Structure formats: structure tokens, C-alpha cells
Amino acid sequence: MLPKRRVSRSNTRTRRAQWKATAAQLSLCPICGAQKRAHYACLKCGQYKGREYMQADRGALTT
């Protein structure tokens, strides 16, 4: 099945204008007070929900 008419540049660009990147949500770490991404481990202290997930000095995972 083929489209009846070609979609104009204006309509195409109007539709594509809705695809925008949004800034990541930031929150404060309850332990050290640094800004961090929501639902991510803190990069400064390495903790998430009171548990240590990363070593703060190297940034390596320690499970």
C-alpha cells in the first residue's frame, strides 16, 4: 500500500519538532548532599539507598 500524497516538509518538520531531549532529573544525596541522578548511586560517596555500591575514590563497582 502506498501513500496517496507526499507529506510536505512543513508537516514532517512540525512532527519531528516534538522529539526533544529532556534534562536528567537531579536530586540530592541524603548522605553527602551532592547532586546525583534520580535512582542512581551517588558518584561522590558511592551509596544508594543506604548501601555502598561503588568505591568513591575509583568509581569501580563492588557489588
PDB file of N, CA and C in Angstrom:
ATOM      1  N   MET A   1       0.833  -1.164   0.000  1.00  0.00           N
ATOM      2  CA  MET A   1       0.000   0.000   0.000  1.00  0.00           C
ATOM      3  C   MET A   1       0.891   1.245   0.000  1.00  0.00           C
ATOM      4  N   LEU A   2       0.583   2.212  -0.818  1.00  0.00           N
ATOM      5  CA  LEU A   2       1.373   3.427  -0.930  1.00  0.00           C
ATOM      6  C   LEU A   2       0.568   4.623  -0.441  1.00  0.00           C
ATOM      7  N   PRO A   3       1.250   5.644   0.087  1.00  0.00           N
ATOM      8  CA  PRO A   3       0.518   6.840   0.499  1.00  0.00           C
ATOM      9  C   PRO A   3      -0.046   7.577  -0.705  1.00  0.00           C
ATOM     10  N   LYS A   4      -1.189   8.220  -0.516  1.00  0.00           N
ATOM     11  CA  LYS A   4      -1.833   8.945  -1.621  1.00  0.00           C
ATOM     12  C   LYS A   4      -1.032  10.180  -2.008  1.00  0.00           C
ATOM     13  N   ARG A   5      -0.527  10.896  -0.989  1.00  0.00           N
ATOM     14  CA  ARG A   5       0.198  12.137  -1.260  1.00  0.00           C
ATOM     15  C   ARG A   5       1.497  12.159  -0.469  1.00  0.00           C
ATOM     16  N   ARG A   6       2.453  12.911  -0.986  1.00  0.00           N
ATOM     17  CA  ARG A   6       3.713  13.105  -0.280  1.00  0.00           C
ATOM     18  C   ARG A   6       3.477  14.039   0.907  1.00  0.00           C
ATOM     19  N   VAL A   7       4.112  13.729   2.013  1.00  0.00           N
ATOM     20  CA  VAL A   7       3.992  14.586   3.191  1.00  0.00           C
ATOM     21  C   VAL A   7       4.919  15.781   3.002  1.00  0.00           C
ATOM     22  N   SER A   8       4.384  16.975   3.193  1.00  0.00           N
ATOM     23  CA  SER A   8       5.168  18.186   2.952  1.00  0.00           C
ATOM     24  C   SER A   8       6.281  18.341   3.988  1.00  0.00           C
ATOM     25  N   ARG A   9       7.264  19.157   3.650  1.00  0.00           N
ATOM     26  CA  ARG A   9       8.368  19.427   4.575  1.00  0.00           C
ATOM     27  C   ARG A   9       7.852  20.059   5.862  1.00  0.00           C
ATOM     28  N   SER A  10       6.885  20.943   5.725  1.00  0.00           N
ATOM     29  CA  SER A  10       6.338  21.624   6.895  1.00  0.00           C
ATOM     30  C   SER A  10       5.709  20.632   7.866  1.00  0.00           C
ATOM     31  N   ASN A  11       4.919  19.713   7.353  1.00  0.00           N
ATOM     32  CA  ASN A  11       4.281  18.725   8.224  1.00  0.00           C
ATOM     33  C   ASN A  11       5.315  17.783   8.832  1.00  0.00           C
ATOM     34  N   THR A  12       6.297  17.383   8.050  1.00  0.00           N
ATOM     35  CA  THR A  12       7.335  16.493   8.554  1.00  0.00           C
ATOM     36  C   THR A  12       8.121  17.165   9.665  1.00  0.00           C
ATOM     37  N   ARG A  13       8.531  18.402   9.456  1.00  0.00           N
ATOM     38  CA  ARG A  13       9.326  19.110  10.451  1.00  0.00           C
ATOM     39  C   ARG A  13       8.508  19.466  11.688  1.00  0.00           C
ATOM     40  N   THR A  14       7.229  19.750  11.516  1.00  0.00           N
ATOM     41  CA  THR A  14       6.356  20.008  12.668  1.00  0.00           C
ATOM     42  C   THR A  14       6.251  18.764  13.525  1.00  0.00           C
ATOM     43  N   ARG A  15       6.121  17.608  12.909  1.00  0.00           N
ATOM     44  CA  ARG A  15       6.027  16.351  13.649  1.00  0.00           C
ATOM     45  C   ARG A  15       7.349  16.049  14.361  1.00  0.00           C
ATOM     46  N   ARG A  16       8.469  16.268  13.702  1.00  0.00           N
ATOM     47  CA  ARG A  16       9.765  15.974  14.288  1.00  0.00           C
ATOM     48  C   ARG A  16      10.155  16.959  15.383  1.00  0.00           C
ATOM     49  N   ALA A  17       9.529  18.134  15.407  1.00  0.00           N
ATOM     50  CA  ALA A  17       9.853  19.139  16.418  1.00  0.00           C
ATOM     51  C   ALA A  17       9.451  18.683  17.810  1.00  0.00           C
ATOM     52  N   GLN A  18       8.593  17.684  17.917  1.00  0.00           N
ATOM     53  CA  GLN A  18       8.139  17.197  19.220  1.00  0.00           C
ATOM     54  C   GLN A  18       9.154  16.270  19.869  1.00  0.00           C
ATOM     55  N   TRP A  19      10.125  15.764  19.115  1.00  0.00           N
ATOM     56  CA  TRP A  19      11.133  14.855  19.659  1.00  0.00           C
ATOM     57  C   TRP A  19      12.249  15.674  20.275  1.00  0.00           C
ATOM     58  N   LYS A  20      12.163  15.919  21.593  1.00  0.00           N
ATOM     59  CA  LYS A  20      13.151  16.736  22.270  1.00  0.00           C
ATOM     60  C   LYS A  20      13.849  15.911  23.342  1.00  0.00           C
ATOM     61  N   ALA A  21      15.090  16.211  23.567  1.00  0.00           N
ATOM     62  CA  ALA A  21      15.816  15.583  24.678  1.00  0.00           C
ATOM     63  C   ALA A  21      15.479  16.349  25.948  1.00  0.00           C
ATOM     64  N   THR A  22      15.283  15.630  27.044  1.00  0.00           N
ATOM     65  CA  THR A  22      14.991  16.278  28.316  1.00  0.00           C
ATOM     66  C   THR A  22      16.201  16.144  29.237  1.00  0.00           C
ATOM     67  N   ALA A  23      16.364  17.107  30.102  1.00  0.00           N
ATOM     68  CA  ALA A  23      17.473  17.078  31.053  1.00  0.00           C
ATOM     69  C   ALA A  23      17.229  15.992  32.091  1.00  0.00           C
ATOM     70  N   ALA A  24      18.300  15.370  32.553  1.00  0.00           N
ATOM     71  CA  ALA A  24      18.191  14.321  33.572  1.00  0.00           C
ATOM     72  C   ALA A  24      17.713  14.933  34.878  1.00  0.00           C
ATOM     73  N   GLN A  25      16.854  14.209  35.593  1.00  0.00           N
ATOM     74  CA  GLN A  25      16.353  14.674  36.879  1.00  0.00           C
ATOM     75  C   GLN A  25      17.440  14.521  37.939  1.00  0.00           C
ATOM     76  N   LEU A  26      17.707  15.579  38.668  1.00  0.00           N
ATOM     77  CA  LEU A  26      18.730  15.556  39.696  1.00  0.00           C
ATOM     78  C   LEU A  26      18.082  15.641  41.073  1.00  0.00           C
ATOM     79  N   SER A  27      18.671  14.951  42.027  1.00  0.00           N
ATOM     80  CA  SER A  27      18.222  15.031  43.409  1.00  0.00           C
ATOM     81  C   SER A  27      19.463  15.128  44.288  1.00  0.00           C
ATOM     82  N   LEU A  28      19.242  15.373  45.566  1.00  0.00           N
ATOM     83  CA  LEU A  28      20.361  15.480  46.499  1.00  0.00           C
ATOM     84  C   LEU A  28      20.597  14.149  47.182  1.00  0.00           C
ATOM     85  N   CYS A  29      21.858  13.787  47.314  1.00  0.00           N
ATOM     86  CA  CYS A  29      22.229  12.571  48.032  1.00  0.00           C
ATOM     87  C   CYS A  29      21.957  12.797  49.519  1.00  0.00           C
ATOM     88  N   PRO A  30      21.200  11.896  50.177  1.00  0.00           N
ATOM     89  CA  PRO A  30      20.897  12.108  51.595  1.00  0.00           C
ATOM     90  C   PRO A  30      22.116  11.932  52.500  1.00  0.00           C
ATOM     91  N   ILE A  31      23.169  11.278  52.032  1.00  0.00           N
ATOM     92  CA  ILE A  31      24.334  11.019  52.867  1.00  0.00           C
ATOM     93  C   ILE A  31      25.346  12.161  52.785  1.00  0.00           C
ATOM     94  N   CYS A  32      25.752  12.524  51.551  1.00  0.00           N
ATOM     95  CA  CYS A  32      26.787  13.553  51.423  1.00  0.00           C
ATOM     96  C   CYS A  32      26.245  14.896  50.933  1.00  0.00           C
ATOM     97  N   GLY A  33      25.012  14.938  50.430  1.00  0.00           N
ATOM     98  CA  GLY A  33      24.407  16.199  49.994  1.00  0.00           C
ATOM     99  C   GLY A  33      24.778  16.627  48.589  1.00  0.00           C
ATOM    100  N   ALA A  34      25.522  15.812  47.846  1.00  0.00           N
ATOM    101  CA  ALA A  34      25.902  16.150  46.471  1.00  0.00           C
ATOM    102  C   ALA A  34      24.722  15.890  45.534  1.00  0.00           C
ATOM    103  N   GLN A  35      24.715  16.578  44.401  1.00  0.00           N
ATOM    104  CA  GLN A  35      23.676  16.325  43.412  1.00  0.00           C
ATOM    105  C   GLN A  35      23.972  15.014  42.699  1.00  0.00           C
ATOM    106  N   LYS A  36      22.908  14.225  42.461  1.00  0.00           N
ATOM    107  CA  LYS A  36      23.054  12.944  41.762  1.00  0.00           C
ATOM    108  C   LYS A  36      21.814  12.717  40.920  1.00  0.00           C
ATOM    109  N   ARG A  37      21.925  11.817  39.953  1.00  0.00           N
ATOM    110  CA  ARG A  37      20.765  11.454  39.140  1.00  0.00           C
ATOM    111  C   ARG A  37      19.796  10.639  39.973  1.00  0.00           C
ATOM    112  N   ALA A  38      18.513  10.816  39.737  1.00  0.00           N
ATOM    113  CA  ALA A  38      17.498  10.073  40.470  1.00  0.00           C
ATOM    114  C   ALA A  38      17.625   8.586  40.161  1.00  0.00           C
ATOM    115  N   HIS A  39      17.500   7.739  41.172  1.00  0.00           N
ATOM    116  CA  HIS A  39      17.559   6.277  41.066  1.00  0.00           C
ATOM    117  C   HIS A  39      18.929   5.770  40.615  1.00  0.00           C
ATOM    118  N   TYR A  40      19.985   6.531  40.866  1.00  0.00           N
ATOM    119  CA  TYR A  40      21.353   6.126  40.557  1.00  0.00           C
ATOM    120  C   TYR A  40      22.198   6.252  41.818  1.00  0.00           C
ATOM    121  N   ALA A  41      23.282   5.504  41.890  1.00  0.00           N
ATOM    122  CA  ALA A  41      24.207   5.628  43.010  1.00  0.00           C
ATOM    123  C   ALA A  41      24.921   6.980  42.920  1.00  0.00           C
ATOM    124  N   CYS A  42      25.226   7.552  44.070  1.00  0.00           N
ATOM    125  CA  CYS A  42      25.925   8.838  44.136  1.00  0.00           C
ATOM    126  C   CYS A  42      27.363   8.648  43.655  1.00  0.00           C
ATOM    127  N   LEU A  43      27.832   9.521  42.791  1.00  0.00           N
ATOM    128  CA  LEU A  43      29.193   9.414  42.274  1.00  0.00           C
ATOM    129  C   LEU A  43      30.226   9.900  43.287  1.00  0.00           C
ATOM    130  N   LYS A  44      29.800  10.710  44.250  1.00  0.00           N
ATOM    131  CA  LYS A  44      30.750  11.250  45.222  1.00  0.00           C
ATOM    132  C   LYS A  44      31.006  10.265  46.365  1.00  0.00           C
ATOM    133  N   CYS A  45      29.928   9.709  46.950  1.00  0.00           N
ATOM    134  CA  CYS A  45      30.120   8.797  48.088  1.00  0.00           C
ATOM    135  C   CYS A  45      29.877   7.333  47.719  1.00  0.00           C
ATOM    136  N   GLY A  46      29.273   7.052  46.560  1.00  0.00           N
ATOM    137  CA  GLY A  46      29.089   5.687  46.095  1.00  0.00           C
ATOM    138  C   GLY A  46      27.943   4.941  46.742  1.00  0.00           C
ATOM    139  N   GLN A  47      27.034   5.646  47.414  1.00  0.00           N
ATOM    140  CA  GLN A  47      25.944   4.977  48.108  1.00  0.00           C
ATOM    141  C   GLN A  47      24.622   5.183  47.383  1.00  0.00           C
ATOM    142  N   TYR A  48      23.723   4.197  47.534  1.00  0.00           N
ATOM    143  CA  TYR A  48      22.366   4.286  47.009  1.00  0.00           C
ATOM    144  C   TYR A  48      21.443   3.577  47.989  1.00  0.00           C
ATOM    145  N   LYS A  49      20.462   4.294  48.485  1.00  0.00           N
ATOM    146  CA  LYS A  49      19.513   3.775  49.472  1.00  0.00           C
ATOM    147  C   LYS A  49      20.217   3.194  50.697  1.00  0.00           C
ATOM    148  N   GLY A  50      21.277   3.882  51.159  1.00  0.00           N
ATOM    149  CA  GLY A  50      21.958   3.486  52.373  1.00  0.00           C
ATOM    150  C   GLY A  50      22.955   2.350  52.218  1.00  0.00           C
ATOM    151  N   ARG A  51      23.127   1.820  51.020  1.00  0.00           N
ATOM    152  CA  ARG A  51      24.094   0.738  50.798  1.00  0.00           C
ATOM    153  C   ARG A  51      25.201   1.230  49.882  1.00  0.00           C
ATOM    154  N   GLU A  52      26.422   0.745  50.117  1.00  0.00           N
ATOM    155  CA  GLU A  52      27.543   1.153  49.278  1.00  0.00           C
ATOM    156  C   GLU A  52      27.587   0.275  48.032  1.00  0.00           C
ATOM    157  N   TYR A  53      27.527   0.899  46.865  1.00  0.00           N
ATOM    158  CA  TYR A  53      27.561   0.178  45.593  1.00  0.00           C
ATOM    159  C   TYR A  53      28.840   0.434  44.817  1.00  0.00           C
ATOM    160  N   MET A  54      29.493   1.550  45.086  1.00  0.00           N
ATOM    161  CA  MET A  54      30.722   1.888  44.371  1.00  0.00           C
ATOM    162  C   MET A  54      31.736   2.411  45.373  1.00  0.00           C
ATOM    163  N   GLN A  55      32.990   2.214  45.072  1.00  0.00           N
ATOM    164  CA  GLN A  55      34.026   2.865  45.868  1.00  0.00           C
ATOM    165  C   GLN A  55      34.188   4.270  45.331  1.00  0.00           C
ATOM    166  N   ALA A  56      34.089   5.240  46.186  1.00  0.00           N
ATOM    167  CA  ALA A  56      34.063   6.630  45.760  1.00  0.00           C
ATOM    168  C   ALA A  56      35.379   7.080  45.136  1.00  0.00           C
ATOM    169  N   ASP A  57      36.510   6.536  45.593  1.00  0.00           N
ATOM    170  CA  ASP A  57      37.801   7.022  45.082  1.00  0.00           C
ATOM    171  C   ASP A  57      38.065   6.543  43.660  1.00  0.00           C
ATOM    172  N   ARG A  58      37.680   5.307  43.304  1.00  0.00           N
ATOM    173  CA  ARG A  58      37.965   4.790  41.959  1.00  0.00           C
ATOM    174  C   ARG A  58      36.741   4.793  41.067  1.00  0.00           C
ATOM    175  N   GLY A  59      35.550   4.660  41.635  1.00  0.00           N
ATOM    176  CA  GLY A  59      34.346   4.605  40.836  1.00  0.00           C
ATOM    177  C   GLY A  59      34.046   3.216  40.303  1.00  0.00           C
ATOM    178  N   ALA A  60      34.735   2.169  40.809  1.00  0.00           N
ATOM    179  CA  ALA A  60      34.514   0.807  40.336  1.00  0.00           C
ATOM    180  C   ALA A  60      33.372   0.153  41.126  1.00  0.00           C
ATOM    181  N   LEU A  61      32.629  -0.703  40.479  1.00  0.00           N
ATOM    182  CA  LEU A  61      31.541  -1.422  41.153  1.00  0.00           C
ATOM    183  C   LEU A  61      32.118  -2.477  42.102  1.00  0.00           C
ATOM    184  N   THR A  62      31.440  -2.618  43.262  1.00  0.00           N
ATOM    185  CA  THR A  62      31.932  -3.572  44.251  1.00  0.00           C
ATOM    186  C   THR A  62      30.861  -4.562  44.695  1.00  0.00           C
ATOM    187  N   THR A  63      29.741  -4.636  44.094  1.00  0.00           N
ATOM    188  CA  THR A  63      28.598  -5.493  44.450  1.00  0.00           C
ATOM    189  C   THR A  63      28.618  -6.089  45.768  1.00  0.00           C
TER     190      THR A  63
END
